[in-house]
C-alpha cells in the first residue's frame, strides 16, 4: 500500500556510518599525537606522525573476532599497536630506540581517552540539517528510522552524545559489539536484525566504497556514498524525501 506523501513506500530504515560521514577530526591526527607526546617528553613532528599513522593504519591487520565474538578490550589493543607502530616510525631522531614502556603506556592512555571526547571531533556542516530534515519527515509522514552502523569502538557513544546528535538514532551498532567489521556480512546482518525489516527497505550511507557501499550492496541494501563537497548528507536526505533518485543498489551517488 502506498501512503500519500510517502516518497519511498518501501524505505523504512537508514543506516549511517559515523567518522567521515557524520563527523570528522577537529585537527589532523599528527597534530594531536605530537601535542600529547610532548606532554610525556616525546619529541615528534606532526607531519611525520601523520604519515606514519597512515602507514600504521594500513599495516596493522584489522581486528579478528572469531565467530562474531566481541573483543573484551573494545579494540583497545588494536589501537595500541597502531600508535606503537606510528611512533616507531614517526618519532624524532632524538628519541633513539623504542619509547620506554613506562612512558609509552600513559601516553597511549591519554591519546585513547582524547579521542573518546567529543571535543576531538567536529560535525560536518550538513550533518545536523540532514538529520533534522529526516526527523521532520518522520514526524509529518511515514516513520523513517535512523541507525548508526560503524566500525568505531564504544567510544562512539559519548562522542555522539557530546556532539548533540545521539537522540536522532534508534540504535548505534558497532563493530566492537557485533564482533565483525564492515564490509563483513555479519555487520550488515546485525543491522537488518536490529531494524527487523527487509534489506530492500534499508538504505546505508557512508564514505568508504568498500566498507559502506560494497558491503551494503552485498547485503541487498540500497547504498550511496557521501562525496563531499559534491554530495553531502543533506543532498542525500533531500533526494530521499523528494524521490529524486532511484533506490537502486547499483548506484553509488545520486545524479
C-alpha atoms as a PDB file:
ATOM      1  CA  UNK A   1       0.000   0.000   0.000  1.00  0.00           C
ATOM      2  CA  UNK A   2       1.314   3.430  -0.915  1.00  0.00           C
ATOM      3  CA  UNK A   3       0.854   6.089   1.727  1.00  0.00           C
ATOM      4  CA  UNK A   4       0.055   9.580   0.323  1.00  0.00           C
ATOM      5  CA  UNK A   5       3.113  11.773   0.548  1.00  0.00           C
ATOM      6  CA  UNK A   6       5.449   8.834   1.166  1.00  0.00           C
ATOM      7  CA  UNK A   7       8.360   9.278  -1.297  1.00  0.00           C
ATOM      8  CA  UNK A   8       9.564   5.679  -0.909  1.00  0.00           C
ATOM      9  CA  UNK A   9       6.871   3.345   0.466  1.00  0.00           C
ATOM     10  CA  UNK A  10       9.448   0.558   0.784  1.00  0.00           C
ATOM     11  CA  UNK A  11      12.169   2.561   2.544  1.00  0.00           C
ATOM     12  CA  UNK A  12      11.906   2.117   6.305  1.00  0.00           C
ATOM     13  CA  UNK A  13      15.415   2.378   7.758  1.00  0.00           C
ATOM     14  CA  UNK A  14      18.528   4.415   7.057  1.00  0.00           C
ATOM     15  CA  UNK A  15      21.910   3.341   8.430  1.00  0.00           C
ATOM     16  CA  UNK A  16      24.703   5.887   8.623  1.00  0.00           C
ATOM     17  CA  UNK A  17      28.430   5.474   9.035  1.00  0.00           C
ATOM     18  CA  UNK A  18      29.983   7.685  11.731  1.00  0.00           C
ATOM     19  CA  UNK A  19      33.512   9.083  11.273  1.00  0.00           C
ATOM     20  CA  UNK A  20      33.911  10.530   7.796  1.00  0.00           C
ATOM     21  CA  UNK A  21      30.149  10.628   7.300  1.00  0.00           C
ATOM     22  CA  UNK A  22      28.590  12.368  10.305  1.00  0.00           C
ATOM     23  CA  UNK A  23      31.705  13.997  11.732  1.00  0.00           C
ATOM     24  CA  UNK A  24      35.445  14.403  11.264  1.00  0.00           C
ATOM     25  CA  UNK A  25      38.526  15.060  13.369  1.00  0.00           C
ATOM     26  CA  UNK A  26      38.875  18.573  14.767  1.00  0.00           C
ATOM     27  CA  UNK A  27      42.550  18.542  13.795  1.00  0.00           C
ATOM     28  CA  UNK A  28      44.906  16.149  11.964  1.00  0.00           C
ATOM     29  CA  UNK A  29      45.937  13.030  13.871  1.00  0.00           C
ATOM     30  CA  UNK A  30      49.598  14.014  13.618  1.00  0.00           C
ATOM     31  CA  UNK A  31      48.963  17.306  15.412  1.00  0.00           C
ATOM     32  CA  UNK A  32      47.112  15.589  18.244  1.00  0.00           C
ATOM     33  CA  UNK A  33      49.682  12.839  18.661  1.00  0.00           C
ATOM     34  CA  UNK A  34      52.573  15.331  18.671  1.00  0.00           C
ATOM     35  CA  UNK A  35      50.935  17.560  21.262  1.00  0.00           C
ATOM     36  CA  UNK A  36      50.116  14.712  23.643  1.00  0.00           C
ATOM     37  CA  UNK A  37      53.525  13.108  23.108  1.00  0.00           C
ATOM     38  CA  UNK A  38      55.243  16.373  24.041  1.00  0.00           C
ATOM     39  CA  UNK A  39      53.470  16.309  27.407  1.00  0.00           C
ATOM     40  CA  UNK A  40      55.191  12.987  28.035  1.00  0.00           C
ATOM     41  CA  UNK A  41      58.604  14.199  26.923  1.00  0.00           C
ATOM     42  CA  UNK A  42      58.498  12.555  23.488  1.00  0.00           C
ATOM     43  CA  UNK A  43      59.560  14.757  20.572  1.00  0.00           C
ATOM     44  CA  UNK A  44      57.735  14.215  17.294  1.00  0.00           C
ATOM     45  CA  UNK A  45      56.946  16.276  14.206  1.00  0.00           C
ATOM     46  CA  UNK A  46      53.223  16.373  13.337  1.00  0.00           C
ATOM     47  CA  UNK A  47      53.643  15.758   9.616  1.00  0.00           C
ATOM     48  CA  UNK A  48      55.959  12.811  10.225  1.00  0.00           C
ATOM     49  CA  UNK A  49      53.454  11.327  12.664  1.00  0.00           C
ATOM     50  CA  UNK A  50      50.608  11.872  10.217  1.00  0.00           C
ATOM     51  CA  UNK A  51      52.476   9.969   7.524  1.00  0.00           C
ATOM     52  CA  UNK A  52      53.494   7.226   9.957  1.00  0.00           C
ATOM     53  CA  UNK A  53      49.934   6.914  11.254  1.00  0.00           C
ATOM     54  CA  UNK A  54      48.528   6.377   7.770  1.00  0.00           C
ATOM     55  CA  UNK A  55      51.109   3.667   7.145  1.00  0.00           C
ATOM     56  CA  UNK A  56      50.436   2.023  10.511  1.00  0.00           C
ATOM     57  CA  UNK A  57      46.673   2.096   9.900  1.00  0.00           C
ATOM     58  CA  UNK A  58      47.185   0.069   6.730  1.00  0.00           C
ATOM     59  CA  UNK A  59      49.874  -2.197   8.168  1.00  0.00           C
ATOM     60  CA  UNK A  60      48.123  -3.374  11.328  1.00  0.00           C
ATOM     61  CA  UNK A  61      45.649  -6.152  10.417  1.00  0.00           C
ATOM     62  CA  UNK A  62      42.013  -5.418  11.147  1.00  0.00           C
ATOM     63  CA  UNK A  63      40.784  -6.907  14.418  1.00  0.00           C
ATOM     64  CA  UNK A  64      39.687 -10.521  14.042  1.00  0.00           C
ATOM     65  CA  UNK A  65      36.711 -11.671  16.072  1.00  0.00           C
ATOM     66  CA  UNK A  66      36.168 -15.442  15.721  1.00  0.00           C
ATOM     67  CA  UNK A  67      32.536 -16.418  15.264  1.00  0.00           C
ATOM     68  CA  UNK A  68      31.418 -12.872  15.871  1.00  0.00           C
ATOM     69  CA  UNK A  69      32.681 -12.717  19.462  1.00  0.00           C
ATOM     70  CA  UNK A  70      33.066  -9.062  20.527  1.00  0.00           C
ATOM     71  CA  UNK A  71      36.555  -8.138  21.785  1.00  0.00           C
ATOM     72  CA  UNK A  72      36.996  -7.929  25.535  1.00  0.00           C
ATOM     73  CA  UNK A  73      39.075  -4.744  25.293  1.00  0.00           C
ATOM     74  CA  UNK A  74      36.892  -2.859  22.768  1.00  0.00           C
ATOM     75  CA  UNK A  75      39.719  -2.975  20.164  1.00  0.00           C
ATOM     76  CA  UNK A  76      41.982  -1.031  22.517  1.00  0.00           C
ATOM     77  CA  UNK A  77      44.822  -3.492  21.845  1.00  0.00           C
ATOM     78  CA  UNK A  78      44.465  -2.823  18.112  1.00  0.00           C
ATOM     79  CA  UNK A  79      44.817   0.909  18.663  1.00  0.00           C
ATOM     80  CA  UNK A  80      47.763   0.248  20.980  1.00  0.00           C
ATOM     81  CA  UNK A  81      49.595  -1.441  18.122  1.00  0.00           C
ATOM     82  CA  UNK A  82      48.685   1.328  15.653  1.00  0.00           C
ATOM     83  CA  UNK A  83      50.051   4.021  17.970  1.00  0.00           C
ATOM     84  CA  UNK A  84      53.154   1.972  18.823  1.00  0.00           C
ATOM     85  CA  UNK A  85      53.941   1.495  15.142  1.00  0.00           C
ATOM     86  CA  UNK A  86      53.207   5.154  14.403  1.00  0.00           C
ATOM     87  CA  UNK A  87      55.772   6.341  16.922  1.00  0.00           C
ATOM     88  CA  UNK A  88      58.339   3.717  15.988  1.00  0.00           C
ATOM     89  CA  UNK A  89      58.477   5.340  12.527  1.00  0.00           C
ATOM     90  CA  UNK A  90      57.358   8.892  13.228  1.00  0.00           C
ATOM     91  CA  UNK A  91      59.167   9.980  16.399  1.00  0.00           C
ATOM     92  CA  UNK A  92      62.069  12.412  16.169  1.00  0.00           C
ATOM     93  CA  UNK A  93      65.625  11.031  15.804  1.00  0.00           C
ATOM     94  CA  UNK A  94      66.393  12.285  19.311  1.00  0.00           C
ATOM     95  CA  UNK A  95      64.109   9.523  20.593  1.00  0.00           C
ATOM     96  CA  UNK A  96      66.577   6.769  19.763  1.00  0.00           C
ATOM     97  CA  UNK A  97      65.162   3.284  20.036  1.00  0.00           C
ATOM     98  CA  UNK A  98      61.724   2.331  21.277  1.00  0.00           C
ATOM     99  CA  UNK A  99      59.896   4.625  23.670  1.00  0.00           C
ATOM    100  CA  UNK A 100      60.202   3.107  27.171  1.00  0.00           C
ATOM    101  CA  UNK A 101      57.080   1.292  28.273  1.00  0.00           C
ATOM    102  CA  UNK A 102      56.737   3.469  31.370  1.00  0.00           C
ATOM    103  CA  UNK A 103      56.489   6.464  29.016  1.00  0.00           C
ATOM    104  CA  UNK A 104      54.520   4.900  26.183  1.00  0.00           C
ATOM    105  CA  UNK A 105      51.699   3.377  28.249  1.00  0.00           C
ATOM    106  CA  UNK A 106      50.480   6.599  29.928  1.00  0.00           C
ATOM    107  CA  UNK A 107      50.993   8.467  26.650  1.00  0.00           C
ATOM    108  CA  UNK A 108      48.839   5.952  24.801  1.00  0.00           C
ATOM    109  CA  UNK A 109      46.204   6.081  27.547  1.00  0.00           C
ATOM    110  CA  UNK A 110      45.968   9.850  27.122  1.00  0.00           C
ATOM    111  CA  UNK A 111      45.647   9.511  23.361  1.00  0.00           C
ATOM    112  CA  UNK A 112      42.991   6.827  23.610  1.00  0.00           C
ATOM    113  CA  UNK A 113      40.993   8.912  26.081  1.00  0.00           C
ATOM    114  CA  UNK A 114      41.354  12.058  23.963  1.00  0.00           C
ATOM    115  CA  UNK A 115      39.501  10.536  21.033  1.00  0.00           C
ATOM    116  CA  UNK A 116      36.612   9.492  23.287  1.00  0.00           C
ATOM    117  CA  UNK A 117      35.942  13.185  23.880  1.00  0.00           C
ATOM    118  CA  UNK A 118      33.564  14.993  21.544  1.00  0.00           C
ATOM    119  CA  UNK A 119      35.961  17.964  21.545  1.00  0.00           C
ATOM    120  CA  UNK A 120      38.285  15.896  19.361  1.00  0.00           C
ATOM    121  CA  UNK A 121      35.628  15.761  16.656  1.00  0.00           C
ATOM    122  CA  UNK A 122      33.505  18.151  14.636  1.00  0.00           C
ATOM    123  CA  UNK A 123      30.201  17.700  12.835  1.00  0.00           C
ATOM    124  CA  UNK A 124      30.160  18.346   9.117  1.00  0.00           C
ATOM    125  CA  UNK A 125      28.148  21.483   8.374  1.00  0.00           C
ATOM    126  CA  UNK A 126      25.481  19.462   6.562  1.00  0.00           C
ATOM    127  CA  UNK A 127      25.063  16.749   9.213  1.00  0.00           C
ATOM    128  CA  UNK A 128      22.626  18.453  11.565  1.00  0.00           C
ATOM    129  CA  UNK A 129      20.399  19.903   8.794  1.00  0.00           C
ATOM    130  CA  UNK A 130      20.227  16.464   7.159  1.00  0.00           C
ATOM    131  CA  UNK A 131      19.276  14.676  10.384  1.00  0.00           C
ATOM    132  CA  UNK A 132      16.698  17.335  11.238  1.00  0.00           C
ATOM    133  CA  UNK A 133      15.166  17.037   7.770  1.00  0.00           C
ATOM    134  CA  UNK A 134      14.837  13.268   8.099  1.00  0.00           C
ATOM    135  CA  UNK A 135      13.378  13.588  11.599  1.00  0.00           C
ATOM    136  CA  UNK A 136      10.860  16.187  10.411  1.00  0.00           C
ATOM    137  CA  UNK A 137       9.746  13.794   7.703  1.00  0.00           C
ATOM    138  CA  UNK A 138       9.259  11.057  10.282  1.00  0.00           C
ATOM    139  CA  UNK A 139       7.083  13.400  12.363  1.00  0.00           C
ATOM    140  CA  UNK A 140       4.975  14.547   9.425  1.00  0.00           C
ATOM    141  CA  UNK A 141       4.817  11.375   7.394  1.00  0.00           C
ATOM    142  CA  UNK A 142       5.672   7.662   7.447  1.00  0.00           C
ATOM    143  CA  UNK A 143       8.232   6.854  10.131  1.00  0.00           C
ATOM    144  CA  UNK A 144      11.788   6.641   8.804  1.00  0.00           C
ATOM    145  CA  UNK A 145      14.078   5.027  11.365  1.00  0.00           C
ATOM    146  CA  UNK A 146      17.705   6.102  11.706  1.00  0.00           C
ATOM    147  CA  UNK A 147      20.591   3.942  12.924  1.00  0.00           C
ATOM    148  CA  UNK A 148      24.365   4.269  13.139  1.00  0.00           C
ATOM    149  CA  UNK A 149      26.359   1.393  11.632  1.00  0.00           C
ATOM    150  CA  UNK A 150      30.053   1.941  12.288  1.00  0.00           C
ATOM    151  CA  UNK A 151      33.430   0.245  12.617  1.00  0.00           C
ATOM    152  CA  UNK A 152      34.125   2.602  15.519  1.00  0.00           C
ATOM    153  CA  UNK A 153      34.541   1.247  19.042  1.00  0.00           C
ATOM    154  CA  UNK A 154      32.410   2.020  22.103  1.00  0.00           C
ATOM    155  CA  UNK A 155      33.931   5.469  22.449  1.00  0.00           C
ATOM    156  CA  UNK A 156      31.413   6.445  19.784  1.00  0.00           C
ATOM    157  CA  UNK A 157      28.580   6.641  22.332  1.00  0.00           C
ATOM    158  CA  UNK A 158      29.982   9.603  24.301  1.00  0.00           C
ATOM    159  CA  UNK A 159      31.088  11.227  21.053  1.00  0.00           C
ATOM    160  CA  UNK A 160      27.577  11.168  19.574  1.00  0.00           C
ATOM    161  CA  UNK A 161      26.153  12.481  22.836  1.00  0.00           C
ATOM    162  CA  UNK A 162      28.764  15.208  23.113  1.00  0.00           C
ATOM    163  CA  UNK A 163      28.168  16.305  19.536  1.00  0.00           C
ATOM    164  CA  UNK A 164      24.447  16.551  20.270  1.00  0.00           C
ATOM    165  CA  UNK A 165      23.168  14.018  17.735  1.00  0.00           C
ATOM    166  CA  UNK A 166      22.701  10.797  19.732  1.00  0.00           C
ATOM    167  CA  UNK A 167      18.947  11.389  20.077  1.00  0.00           C
ATOM    168  CA  UNK A 168      18.425  11.122  16.324  1.00  0.00           C
ATOM    169  CA  UNK A 169      19.278   7.420  16.302  1.00  0.00           C
ATOM    170  CA  UNK A 170      17.208   4.474  17.419  1.00  0.00           C
ATOM    171  CA  UNK A 171      20.301   2.328  17.921  1.00  0.00           C
ATOM    172  CA  UNK A 172      24.071   2.512  17.459  1.00  0.00           C
ATOM    173  CA  UNK A 173      25.573  -0.675  16.023  1.00  0.00           C
ATOM    174  CA  UNK A 174      29.334  -1.011  16.476  1.00  0.00           C
ATOM    175  CA  UNK A 175      31.826  -3.499  15.119  1.00  0.00           C
ATOM    176  CA  UNK A 176      33.247  -3.907  18.626  1.00  0.00           C
ATOM    177  CA  UNK A 177      29.809  -5.060  19.806  1.00  0.00           C
ATOM    178  CA  UNK A 178      28.938  -7.199  16.791  1.00  0.00           C
ATOM    179  CA  UNK A 179      32.315  -8.923  16.605  1.00  0.00           C
ATOM    180  CA  UNK A 180      32.792  -8.116  12.923  1.00  0.00           C
ATOM    181  CA  UNK A 181      33.683  -5.065  10.867  1.00  0.00           C
ATOM    182  CA  UNK A 182      32.188  -3.676   7.686  1.00  0.00           C
ATOM    183  CA  UNK A 183      32.157  -4.921   4.971  1.00  0.00           C
ATOM    184  CA  UNK A 184      31.700  -8.320   6.670  1.00  0.00           C
ATOM    185  CA  UNK A 185      28.223  -9.742   6.154  1.00  0.00           C
ATOM    186  CA  UNK A 186      27.772 -10.219   9.926  1.00  0.00           C
ATOM    187  CA  UNK A 187      27.826  -6.461  10.410  1.00  0.00           C
ATOM    188  CA  UNK A 188      25.037  -5.842   7.934  1.00  0.00           C
ATOM    189  CA  UNK A 189      23.043  -8.812   9.187  1.00  0.00           C
ATOM    190  CA  UNK A 190      23.180  -7.270  12.656  1.00  0.00           C
ATOM    191  CA  UNK A 191      21.795  -4.079  11.143  1.00  0.00           C
ATOM    192  CA  UNK A 192      18.917  -5.899   9.467  1.00  0.00           C
ATOM    193  CA  UNK A 193      18.149  -7.775  12.678  1.00  0.00           C
ATOM    194  CA  UNK A 194      18.067  -4.531  14.653  1.00  0.00           C
ATOM    195  CA  UNK A 195      15.730  -2.863  12.174  1.00  0.00           C
ATOM    196  CA  UNK A 196      13.666  -6.024  11.656  1.00  0.00           C
ATOM    197  CA  UNK A 197      12.954  -5.071   8.056  1.00  0.00           C
ATOM    198  CA  UNK A 198      13.968  -6.493   4.697  1.00  0.00           C
ATOM    199  CA  UNK A 199      17.264  -5.414   3.157  1.00  0.00           C
ATOM    200  CA  UNK A 200      15.328  -3.871   0.260  1.00  0.00           C
ATOM    201  CA  UNK A 201      13.736  -1.479   2.767  1.00  0.00           C
ATOM    202  CA  UNK A 202      17.104  -0.216   4.033  1.00  0.00           C
ATOM    203  CA  UNK A 203      19.485   2.460   2.818  1.00  0.00           C
ATOM    204  CA  UNK A 204      23.097   2.716   4.001  1.00  0.00           C
ATOM    205  CA  UNK A 205      25.055   5.969   3.722  1.00  0.00           C
ATOM    206  CA  UNK A 206      28.799   6.142   4.206  1.00  0.00           C
ATOM    207  CA  UNK A 207      32.061   7.448   2.791  1.00  0.00           C
ATOM    208  CA  UNK A 208      34.031   4.257   2.130  1.00  0.00           C
ATOM    209  CA  UNK A 209      33.438   2.438  -1.139  1.00  0.00           C
ATOM    210  CA  UNK A 210      34.485  -0.991   0.114  1.00  0.00           C
ATOM    211  CA  UNK A 211      33.143  -0.928   3.669  1.00  0.00           C
ATOM    212  CA  UNK A 212      29.980   1.078   3.121  1.00  0.00           C
ATOM    213  CA  UNK A 213      28.888   0.788  -0.496  1.00  0.00           C
ATOM    214  CA  UNK A 214      30.100  -2.682  -1.430  1.00  0.00           C
ATOM    215  CA  UNK A 215      29.274  -4.161   1.974  1.00  0.00           C
ATOM    216  CA  UNK A 216      25.727  -2.822   1.983  1.00  0.00           C
ATOM    217  CA  UNK A 217      25.190  -3.755  -1.654  1.00  0.00           C
ATOM    218  CA  UNK A 218      26.297  -7.334  -0.977  1.00  0.00           C
ATOM    219  CA  UNK A 219      23.759  -7.499   1.857  1.00  0.00           C
ATOM    220  CA  UNK A 220      20.986  -6.421  -0.506  1.00  0.00           C
ATOM    221  CA  UNK A 221      20.637  -2.909   0.879  1.00  0.00           C
ATOM    222  CA  UNK A 222      20.440   0.289  -1.101  1.00  0.00           C
ATOM    223  CA  UNK A 223      23.683   2.210  -0.697  1.00  0.00           C
ATOM    224  CA  UNK A 224      25.089   5.609  -1.512  1.00  0.00           C
ATOM    225  CA  UNK A 225      28.426   7.237  -0.866  1.00  0.00           C
ATOM    226  CA  UNK A 226      28.868  10.656   0.653  1.00  0.00           C
ATOM    227  CA  UNK A 227      31.380  12.513  -1.518  1.00  0.00           C
ATOM    228  CA  UNK A 228      31.787  15.994  -0.118  1.00  0.00           C
ATOM    229  CA  UNK A 229      31.649  18.695  -1.296  1.00  0.00           C
ATOM    230  CA  UNK A 230      29.685  17.459  -4.315  1.00  0.00           C
ATOM    231  CA  UNK A 231      27.427  15.004  -2.467  1.00  0.00           C
ATOM    232  CA  UNK A 232      26.642  15.757   1.185  1.00  0.00           C
ATOM    233  CA  UNK A 233      24.330  14.136   3.707  1.00  0.00           C
ATOM    234  CA  UNK A 234      21.881  16.973   3.148  1.00  0.00           C
ATOM    235  CA  UNK A 235      21.962  16.328  -0.599  1.00  0.00           C
ATOM    236  CA  UNK A 236      21.095  12.697   0.001  1.00  0.00           C
ATOM    237  CA  UNK A 237      18.413  13.456   2.597  1.00  0.00           C
ATOM    238  CA  UNK A 238      16.673  15.853   0.228  1.00  0.00           C
ATOM    239  CA  UNK A 239      16.762  13.368  -2.622  1.00  0.00           C
ATOM    240  CA  UNK A 240      15.437  10.566  -0.420  1.00  0.00           C
ATOM    241  CA  UNK A 241      12.452  12.658   0.609  1.00  0.00           C
ATOM    242  CA  UNK A 242      11.818  14.216  -2.800  1.00  0.00           C
ATOM    243  CA  UNK A 243      12.112  10.987  -4.772  1.00  0.00           C
ATOM    244  CA  UNK A 244      14.818  12.478  -6.979  1.00  0.00           C
ATOM    245  CA  UNK A 245      16.935   9.378  -7.355  1.00  0.00           C
ATOM    246  CA  UNK A 246      16.212   5.672  -7.863  1.00  0.00           C
ATOM    247  CA  UNK A 247      16.803   3.429  -4.890  1.00  0.00           C
ATOM    248  CA  UNK A 248      18.916   1.068  -6.932  1.00  0.00           C
ATOM    249  CA  UNK A 249      21.648  -0.932  -5.178  1.00  0.00           C
ATOM    250  CA  UNK A 250      23.921  -0.401  -8.193  1.00  0.00           C
ATOM    251  CA  UNK A 251      24.058   3.387  -7.818  1.00  0.00           C
ATOM    252  CA  UNK A 252      26.871   4.984  -5.828  1.00  0.00           C
ATOM    253  CA  UNK A 253      25.804   8.609  -5.855  1.00  0.00           C
ATOM    254  CA  UNK A 254      22.568  10.265  -6.962  1.00  0.00           C
ATOM    255  CA  UNK A 255      22.602  12.471 -10.017  1.00  0.00           C
END
